[in-house]
Amino acid sequence: MQHTRVSTSQKILMNIVKLAWMVALFLFPCISLSAGTTNTVIVLDASNSMWGQIDGKSKIEIARDNLAQLLQTPAAPQSITLITYGSQHKSDCQDIAVQQASTPAELLQQASSIMPKGRSPISAAITQAATRGNHILLVSDGQESCDADPCAAAKQLKASDPELRIHVLGFRDDPASQLRCIAEHTGGTFALAGDTAALAKLLETPVANATTTTPAIPADTPGTLQLTLGAGNSLDNLPASFLLYDARGEHLNTFTTRKEISRQLPPGQYRVDVLWGQLKLSETLQVTAGQTTTHRFDLGGMGKLVLDAIDSRQNPLDANFTLYTRDGNFLSDRLLKSSITEQLPAGSYRIKAVRNRQSQEATLEVAADGESRHTFVFGQAD
């Protein structure tokens, strides 16, 4: 697998979690670094927007890799709670998961399974965090996407616990943003990930009394391989078949019609083939002990395909639609629908529409960021 040069913008994002941890240590001087002391709470955004990429690498992958590095530093406290939101379900405003372990190494194993998927219940997440500690660090790239007001929630939490502080690391500098008001209402600090000068000033004082160390992860500890298939700028995962091979080319597993897979594997090199219709993409990936390797296969730009079925008087009719690649490979079907809309990679597709004994076919081109529409007209005598 080829390694590309890391750009300036990617370096900035790669430092988000590292800077978050160091800011937390500086801003929370009351926290001792010895075992059995006050718990530190990190709230990590695991909503679907974290699949957004910077120079070809997803935000969640960069955040997880740096979290792994931080949890193995001598300065890492032994009492840590990691709360994620949006990692379990695609559309669930109660999707909040608490990751807590007796050691950073165990927490790292849990964090490796995080897969961004759903919405952003920021209000509920910080409320949950406040039940576990009053020193909270929120790392997020977006706004609340559930029916709640995180600014009001932060204000109420502060009123209930005057010692509460929520510090925030965000991606955009907007004075009216919800992330900034969370910090302001709780006496915390808002820091922009790209504002290296401001962050450097916060980090001028070195961390003292860091007496604990985290044991090194054994070389034979399994790592996690997480795979998805997408197309262009769309954040939606496409169903595909994933074939996994070891370094010798021996077939290990086949996962059929899956939108995502996550599998623990011994450290080493693996080849992955992904099949979507007649299309095949391959990549060689390295699995590292105790860490997560995330790869998103990309089919290219997406377009919209809209299909309708009507009678000769323009009335909608229910029909069965079957979608194929241009070469005739089955992709999907939709039964008893008068209209369907599909998001598809740019390319040529063959569509078959059937109503009772009548059958029609059409071949359509789908352009990236475009819309292709076709109407099947059926006679009344069927």
Protein backbone atom coordinates (compact mmCIF):
# COMPACT_ATOMS: atom_id res chain seq x y z
CA MET A 1 0.00 0.00 0.00
CA GLN A 2 1.39 3.37 -1.00
CA HIS A 3 1.87 6.13 1.56
CA THR A 4 1.19 9.68 0.44
CA ARG A 5 2.86 12.78 1.79
CA VAL A 6 0.86 14.38 4.60
CA SER A 7 -0.31 17.88 3.74
CA THR A 8 -0.46 20.89 6.02
CA SER A 9 -4.23 20.58 6.50
CA GLN A 10 -3.98 16.89 7.30
CA LYS A 11 -1.20 17.54 9.81
CA ILE A 12 -3.52 20.02 11.54
CA LEU A 13 -6.29 17.45 11.87
CA MET A 14 -3.85 14.72 12.93
CA ASN A 15 -2.96 16.87 15.91
CA ILE A 16 -6.55 17.43 17.07
CA VAL A 17 -6.71 14.59 19.57
CA LYS A 18 -3.10 15.11 20.65
CA LEU A 19 -3.71 18.79 21.30
CA ALA A 20 -7.04 18.01 22.95
CA TRP A 21 -5.37 15.76 25.48
CA MET A 22 -2.55 18.17 26.21
CA VAL A 23 -4.98 21.08 26.59
CA ALA A 24 -7.05 18.96 28.96
CA LEU A 25 -4.01 18.22 31.11
CA PHE A 26 -3.07 21.88 31.22
CA LEU A 27 -6.58 23.20 31.84
CA PHE A 28 -7.38 20.58 34.48
CA PRO A 29 -4.49 21.07 36.95
CA CYS A 30 -6.49 19.52 39.76
CA ILE A 31 -6.29 16.14 38.08
CA SER A 32 -3.54 13.98 39.50
CA LEU A 33 -1.86 11.53 37.17
CA SER A 34 -1.67 8.75 39.69
CA ALA A 35 -4.00 5.79 39.77
CA GLY A 36 -7.41 6.08 41.44
CA THR A 37 -7.84 9.84 40.97
CA THR A 38 -10.46 12.11 39.36
CA ASN A 39 -11.85 10.76 36.12
CA THR A 40 -11.22 12.62 32.87
CA VAL A 41 -14.07 12.58 30.34
CA ILE A 42 -13.50 12.96 26.60
CA VAL A 43 -16.57 13.28 24.35
CA LEU A 44 -15.70 12.28 20.79
CA ASP A 45 -17.88 13.00 17.77
CA ALA A 46 -18.54 9.70 15.95
CA SER A 47 -21.36 10.93 13.73
CA ASN A 48 -21.46 10.21 10.01
CA SER A 49 -19.78 13.52 9.17
CA MET A 50 -16.55 12.14 10.66
CA TRP A 51 -16.21 10.06 7.49
CA GLY A 52 -15.45 13.36 5.77
CA GLN A 53 -11.95 13.27 4.40
CA ILE A 54 -8.96 15.57 4.43
CA ASP A 55 -6.49 14.73 1.67
CA GLY A 56 -7.92 11.25 1.29
CA LYS A 57 -7.98 10.28 4.98
CA SER A 58 -11.12 10.29 7.12
CA LYS A 59 -11.32 12.48 10.22
CA ILE A 60 -12.26 9.54 12.44
CA GLU A 61 -9.28 7.49 11.27
CA ILE A 62 -6.88 10.32 12.02
CA ALA A 63 -8.52 10.96 15.40
CA ARG A 64 -8.38 7.27 16.37
CA ASP A 65 -4.74 6.89 15.37
CA ASN A 66 -3.71 9.86 17.46
CA LEU A 67 -5.87 8.73 20.37
CA ALA A 68 -3.93 5.46 20.28
CA GLN A 69 -0.65 7.36 20.48
CA LEU A 70 -1.87 9.51 23.36
CA LEU A 71 -3.12 6.57 25.41
CA GLN A 72 0.38 5.13 25.30
CA THR A 73 2.17 8.25 26.57
CA PRO A 74 3.50 8.55 30.15
CA ALA A 75 1.17 11.53 30.73
CA ALA A 76 -2.00 9.52 30.16
CA PRO A 77 -4.16 9.32 33.33
CA GLN A 78 -5.20 5.86 34.46
CA SER A 79 -8.84 6.87 35.02
CA ILE A 80 -10.37 7.73 31.65
CA THR A 81 -13.89 7.77 30.27
CA LEU A 82 -14.42 8.07 26.54
CA ILE A 83 -17.96 8.90 25.43
CA THR A 84 -18.88 8.70 21.76
CA TYR A 85 -22.06 9.67 19.98
CA GLY A 86 -23.41 8.56 16.61
CA SER A 87 -21.41 5.32 16.43
CA GLN A 88 -24.14 2.70 16.79
CA HIS A 89 -27.15 3.64 14.65
CA LYS A 90 -27.77 5.66 11.51
CA SER A 91 -30.58 7.82 12.90
CA ASP A 92 -30.90 7.63 16.67
CA CYS A 93 -30.74 10.63 18.98
CA GLN A 94 -30.10 8.32 21.96
CA ASP A 95 -27.00 6.85 20.30
CA ILE A 96 -24.44 7.51 23.04
CA ALA A 97 -21.83 4.95 24.07
CA VAL A 98 -19.63 5.01 27.18
CA GLN A 99 -16.19 3.40 26.83
CA GLN A 100 -14.49 2.86 30.17
CA ALA A 101 -11.72 0.43 31.09
CA SER A 102 -9.32 -0.18 33.93
CA THR A 103 -6.30 0.79 31.80
CA PRO A 104 -5.69 2.99 28.75
CA ALA A 105 -4.63 -0.13 26.83
CA GLU A 106 -8.06 -1.71 27.40
CA LEU A 107 -9.83 1.51 26.47
CA LEU A 108 -7.78 1.64 23.29
CA GLN A 109 -9.07 -1.80 22.32
CA GLN A 110 -12.63 -0.55 22.80
CA ALA A 111 -12.02 2.67 20.90
CA SER A 112 -10.73 0.73 17.90
CA SER A 113 -14.26 -0.51 17.16
CA ILE A 114 -15.76 2.99 16.74
CA MET A 115 -17.48 3.35 13.35
CA PRO A 116 -19.09 6.75 12.58
CA LYS A 117 -22.64 6.19 11.46
CA GLY A 118 -25.38 8.41 12.77
CA ARG A 119 -26.50 11.74 14.11
CA SER A 120 -25.04 14.29 16.55
CA PRO A 121 -26.86 14.32 19.92
CA ILE A 122 -24.34 16.74 21.45
CA SER A 123 -26.71 17.90 24.23
CA ALA A 124 -27.41 14.38 25.43
CA ALA A 125 -23.72 13.45 25.18
CA ILE A 126 -22.44 16.29 27.36
CA THR A 127 -25.27 15.65 29.83
CA GLN A 128 -24.15 12.02 30.05
CA ALA A 129 -20.54 13.13 30.43
CA ALA A 130 -21.44 15.43 33.33
CA THR A 131 -22.67 12.43 35.31
CA ARG A 132 -19.16 10.96 35.16
CA GLY A 133 -17.01 13.99 35.83
CA ASN A 134 -16.97 17.79 35.78
CA HIS A 135 -13.82 18.12 33.65
CA ILE A 136 -14.95 17.44 30.10
CA LEU A 137 -13.28 17.84 26.74
CA LEU A 138 -15.55 17.82 23.65
CA VAL A 139 -13.98 17.12 20.25
CA SER A 140 -16.51 17.74 17.47
CA ASP A 141 -16.71 18.82 13.85
CA GLY A 142 -20.37 19.85 13.67
CA GLN A 143 -23.64 21.05 15.09
CA GLU A 144 -26.40 19.35 17.07
CA SER A 145 -28.57 17.32 14.66
CA CYS A 146 -31.21 16.24 17.18
CA ASP A 147 -34.09 18.25 18.60
CA ALA A 148 -32.11 19.84 21.44
CA ASP A 149 -30.18 22.99 22.32
CA PRO A 150 -26.60 22.25 23.46
CA CYS A 151 -26.12 25.85 24.59
CA ALA A 152 -29.10 25.62 26.96
CA ALA A 153 -27.97 22.17 28.10
CA ALA A 154 -24.48 23.48 28.91
CA LYS A 155 -25.94 26.42 30.85
CA GLN A 156 -28.19 24.12 32.88
CA LEU A 157 -25.31 21.73 33.64
CA LYS A 158 -23.17 24.62 34.88
CA ALA A 159 -25.99 25.81 37.14
CA SER A 160 -26.25 22.33 38.64
CA ASP A 161 -22.49 22.02 39.15
CA PRO A 162 -20.55 25.32 39.42
CA GLU A 163 -17.27 23.38 39.16
CA LEU A 164 -18.16 22.01 35.74
CA ARG A 165 -16.05 23.09 32.78
CA ILE A 166 -16.42 21.90 29.21
CA HIS A 167 -13.54 22.70 26.88
CA VAL A 168 -14.13 22.36 23.15
CA LEU A 169 -11.90 21.69 20.17
CA GLY A 170 -13.74 22.51 16.94
CA PHE A 171 -13.00 22.76 13.24
CA ARG A 172 -14.63 26.07 12.28
CA ASP A 173 -14.33 29.49 13.87
CA ASP A 174 -17.89 30.79 14.10
CA PRO A 175 -18.64 33.20 17.01
CA ALA A 176 -22.28 32.08 16.95
CA SER A 177 -21.55 28.35 16.85
CA GLN A 178 -23.07 25.94 19.34
CA LEU A 179 -19.64 24.55 20.14
CA ARG A 180 -18.32 27.95 21.18
CA CYS A 181 -21.34 28.69 23.40
CA ILE A 182 -20.90 25.36 25.20
CA ALA A 183 -17.44 26.46 26.30
CA GLU A 184 -18.59 29.99 27.16
CA HIS A 185 -21.56 28.84 29.29
CA THR A 186 -19.42 26.49 31.37
CA GLY A 187 -16.32 28.64 31.82
CA GLY A 188 -14.38 26.47 29.42
CA THR A 189 -12.17 27.32 26.48
CA PHE A 190 -12.95 27.02 22.78
CA ALA A 191 -9.92 26.26 20.65
CA LEU A 192 -9.82 25.98 16.88
CA ALA A 193 -7.82 23.02 15.66
CA GLY A 194 -5.99 25.13 13.09
CA ASP A 195 -5.08 27.94 15.50
CA THR A 196 -1.64 26.58 16.29
CA ALA A 197 -0.41 29.84 17.84
CA ALA A 198 -3.21 29.94 20.41
CA LEU A 199 -2.80 26.27 21.21
CA ALA A 200 0.96 26.62 21.57
CA LYS A 201 0.44 29.39 24.13
CA LEU A 202 -1.86 27.11 26.13
CA LEU A 203 0.81 24.43 26.09
CA GLU A 204 3.73 26.56 27.28
CA THR A 205 3.59 25.08 30.79
CA PRO A 206 4.94 21.51 30.78
CA VAL A 207 3.01 18.72 32.47
CA ALA A 208 4.56 17.80 35.82
CA ASN A 209 4.44 14.74 38.05
CA ALA A 210 3.66 12.37 35.22
CA THR A 211 4.76 9.29 37.10
CA THR A 212 2.66 6.59 35.53
CA THR A 213 3.44 4.72 32.34
CA THR A 214 1.24 2.71 30.06
CA PRO A 215 2.48 -0.79 29.23
CA ALA A 216 3.45 -1.25 25.61
CA ILE A 217 0.93 -3.18 23.53
CA PRO A 218 2.27 -6.71 22.85
CA ALA A 219 3.36 -7.23 19.25
CA ASP A 220 0.92 -10.11 18.79
CA THR A 221 -2.15 -8.13 19.98
CA PRO A 222 -4.85 -8.26 17.27
CA GLY A 223 -5.61 -5.11 15.34
CA THR A 224 -8.93 -4.17 13.76
CA LEU A 225 -9.63 -3.83 10.05
CA GLN A 226 -12.66 -1.69 9.16
CA LEU A 227 -13.86 -1.42 5.56
CA THR A 228 -16.56 0.52 3.74
CA LEU A 229 -17.42 1.37 0.14
CA GLY A 230 -18.60 4.80 -0.97
CA ALA A 231 -18.74 7.00 -4.02
CA GLY A 232 -17.35 10.50 -4.42
CA ASN A 233 -18.42 13.05 -1.81
CA SER A 234 -21.39 11.01 -0.57
CA LEU A 235 -21.12 9.90 3.07
CA ASP A 236 -23.48 6.95 2.51
CA ASN A 237 -22.01 3.46 2.48
CA LEU A 238 -22.85 1.18 -0.45
CA PRO A 239 -23.63 -2.53 -0.04
CA ALA A 240 -20.82 -4.63 -1.49
CA SER A 241 -18.96 -7.93 -1.15
CA PHE A 242 -15.59 -7.83 0.62
CA LEU A 243 -13.04 -10.60 0.08
CA LEU A 244 -10.13 -10.85 2.52
CA TYR A 245 -6.77 -12.52 1.78
CA ASP A 246 -3.59 -12.89 3.84
CA ALA A 247 -0.10 -11.88 2.71
CA ARG A 248 0.36 -15.24 0.93
CA GLY A 249 -2.85 -14.79 -1.04
CA GLU A 250 -4.81 -17.35 0.97
CA HIS A 251 -8.52 -16.57 1.07
CA LEU A 252 -9.67 -15.88 4.65
CA ASN A 253 -13.24 -14.58 4.52
CA THR A 254 -15.96 -13.31 2.22
CA PHE A 255 -18.54 -10.80 3.47
CA THR A 256 -21.51 -10.56 1.11
CA THR A 257 -23.78 -7.53 0.64
CA ARG A 258 -22.41 -5.58 3.57
CA LYS A 259 -22.29 -1.80 4.00
CA GLU A 260 -19.41 -2.04 6.45
CA ILE A 261 -17.27 -4.70 8.06
CA SER A 262 -15.08 -4.70 11.15
CA ARG A 263 -12.84 -7.66 11.94
CA GLN A 264 -10.02 -8.28 14.38
CA LEU A 265 -6.93 -9.79 12.76
CA PRO A 266 -3.36 -10.68 13.76
CA PRO A 267 -0.89 -7.91 12.86
CA GLY A 268 0.30 -8.17 9.27
CA GLN A 269 -0.45 -7.37 5.66
CA TYR A 270 -3.74 -8.21 4.01
CA ARG A 271 -5.28 -7.82 0.56
CA VAL A 272 -8.91 -6.79 0.25
CA ASP A 273 -11.02 -7.10 -2.89
CA VAL A 274 -14.37 -5.30 -2.92
CA LEU A 275 -17.04 -6.16 -5.51
CA TRP A 276 -19.89 -3.88 -6.46
CA GLY A 277 -21.77 -5.34 -9.41
CA GLN A 278 -19.16 -5.98 -12.07
CA LEU A 279 -16.72 -3.47 -10.58
CA LYS A 280 -13.76 -4.69 -8.53
CA LEU A 281 -11.41 -2.62 -6.40
CA SER A 282 -8.35 -3.99 -4.57
CA GLU A 283 -6.10 -2.64 -1.85
CA THR A 284 -3.27 -4.00 0.30
CA LEU A 285 -3.61 -2.88 3.93
CA GLN A 286 -1.41 -3.17 7.01
CA VAL A 287 -2.97 -4.18 10.35
CA THR A 288 -1.02 -2.92 13.38
CA ALA A 289 -1.11 -4.44 16.86
CA GLY A 290 -3.78 -2.83 19.04
CA GLN A 291 -4.77 -0.27 16.42
CA THR A 292 -7.50 0.17 13.83
CA THR A 293 -6.88 0.29 10.11
CA THR A 294 -9.79 2.00 8.35
CA HIS A 295 -10.15 2.07 4.58
CA ARG A 296 -12.96 3.44 2.47
CA PHE A 297 -13.04 2.23 -1.13
CA ASP A 298 -14.25 4.91 -3.53
CA LEU A 299 -16.26 4.30 -6.70
CA GLY A 300 -16.04 7.94 -7.81
CA GLY A 301 -18.70 10.61 -8.36
CA MET A 302 -22.36 9.93 -7.57
CA GLY A 303 -25.47 10.80 -9.56
CA LYS A 304 -29.21 10.39 -9.11
CA LEU A 305 -31.44 7.97 -11.04
CA VAL A 306 -35.20 8.59 -10.89
CA LEU A 307 -37.65 6.03 -12.32
CA ASP A 308 -41.43 6.36 -12.64
CA ALA A 309 -44.21 4.06 -13.83
CA ILE A 310 -47.48 5.50 -15.22
CA ASP A 311 -50.37 4.47 -17.42
CA SER A 312 -51.37 6.08 -20.71
CA ARG A 313 -53.39 8.68 -18.81
CA GLN A 314 -50.39 9.74 -16.72
CA ASN A 315 -51.65 8.02 -13.57
CA PRO A 316 -48.99 6.42 -11.33
CA LEU A 317 -48.80 2.62 -11.44
CA ASP A 318 -47.02 0.15 -9.19
CA ALA A 319 -44.30 -1.83 -10.99
CA ASN A 320 -41.27 -3.96 -10.19
CA PHE A 321 -37.96 -2.27 -11.02
CA THR A 322 -34.72 -4.23 -11.41
CA LEU A 323 -31.38 -2.49 -11.78
CA TYR A 324 -28.39 -3.99 -13.61
CA THR A 325 -24.98 -2.84 -14.71
CA ARG A 326 -24.58 -2.20 -18.42
CA ASP A 327 -23.15 -5.73 -18.77
CA GLY A 328 -26.23 -7.27 -17.15
CA ASN A 329 -25.00 -7.89 -13.61
CA PHE A 330 -27.75 -7.60 -11.01
CA LEU A 331 -27.50 -4.69 -8.57
CA SER A 332 -30.86 -4.30 -6.81
CA ASP A 333 -34.61 -4.47 -7.19
CA ARG A 334 -37.59 -2.49 -5.92
CA LEU A 335 -40.99 -4.16 -5.86
CA LEU A 336 -44.44 -2.60 -6.32
CA LYS A 337 -43.32 1.01 -6.52
CA SER A 338 -44.68 3.77 -8.73
CA SER A 339 -41.49 5.84 -8.35
CA ILE A 340 -37.99 5.15 -7.07
CA THR A 341 -34.86 7.25 -6.60
CA GLU A 342 -31.36 5.72 -6.45
CA GLN A 343 -27.98 7.32 -5.72
CA LEU A 344 -25.45 5.58 -7.96
CA PRO A 345 -21.84 5.95 -9.08
CA ALA A 346 -21.53 7.63 -12.47
CA GLY A 347 -21.90 5.12 -15.29
CA SER A 348 -24.28 3.26 -17.54
CA TYR A 349 -27.15 1.15 -16.16
CA ARG A 350 -29.82 -1.16 -17.56
CA ILE A 351 -33.27 -0.99 -15.94
CA LYS A 352 -36.12 -3.44 -16.32
CA ALA A 353 -39.66 -2.49 -15.29
CA VAL A 354 -42.37 -5.15 -15.06
CA ARG A 355 -46.10 -4.76 -14.47
CA ASN A 356 -48.13 -7.96 -14.66
CA ARG A 357 -47.36 -9.37 -18.13
CA GLN A 358 -45.83 -6.20 -19.51
CA SER A 359 -42.07 -5.73 -19.41
CA GLN A 360 -39.96 -2.79 -20.55
CA GLU A 361 -36.23 -2.05 -20.50
CA ALA A 362 -34.12 1.07 -20.78
CA THR A 363 -30.41 1.88 -20.66
CA LEU A 364 -29.55 5.14 -18.91
CA GLU A 365 -26.40 7.13 -18.23
CA VAL A 366 -25.87 8.52 -14.74
CA ALA A 367 -23.53 11.52 -14.55
CA ALA A 368 -21.60 12.62 -11.49
CA ASP A 369 -23.63 15.24 -9.57
CA GLY A 370 -26.38 14.92 -12.19
CA GLU A 371 -29.88 13.47 -12.40
CA SER A 372 -31.17 10.95 -14.95
CA ARG A 373 -34.91 10.36 -15.16
CA HIS A 374 -36.97 7.83 -17.10
CA THR A 375 -40.70 7.14 -17.16
CA PHE A 376 -42.08 3.73 -18.11
CA VAL A 377 -45.58 3.97 -19.65
CA PHE A 378 -47.77 0.88 -19.39
CA GLY A 379 -51.04 0.29 -21.18
CA GLN A 380 -54.24 -0.23 -19.21
CA ALA A 381 -54.96 -3.65 -20.65
CA ASP A 382 -52.54 -5.80 -18.66
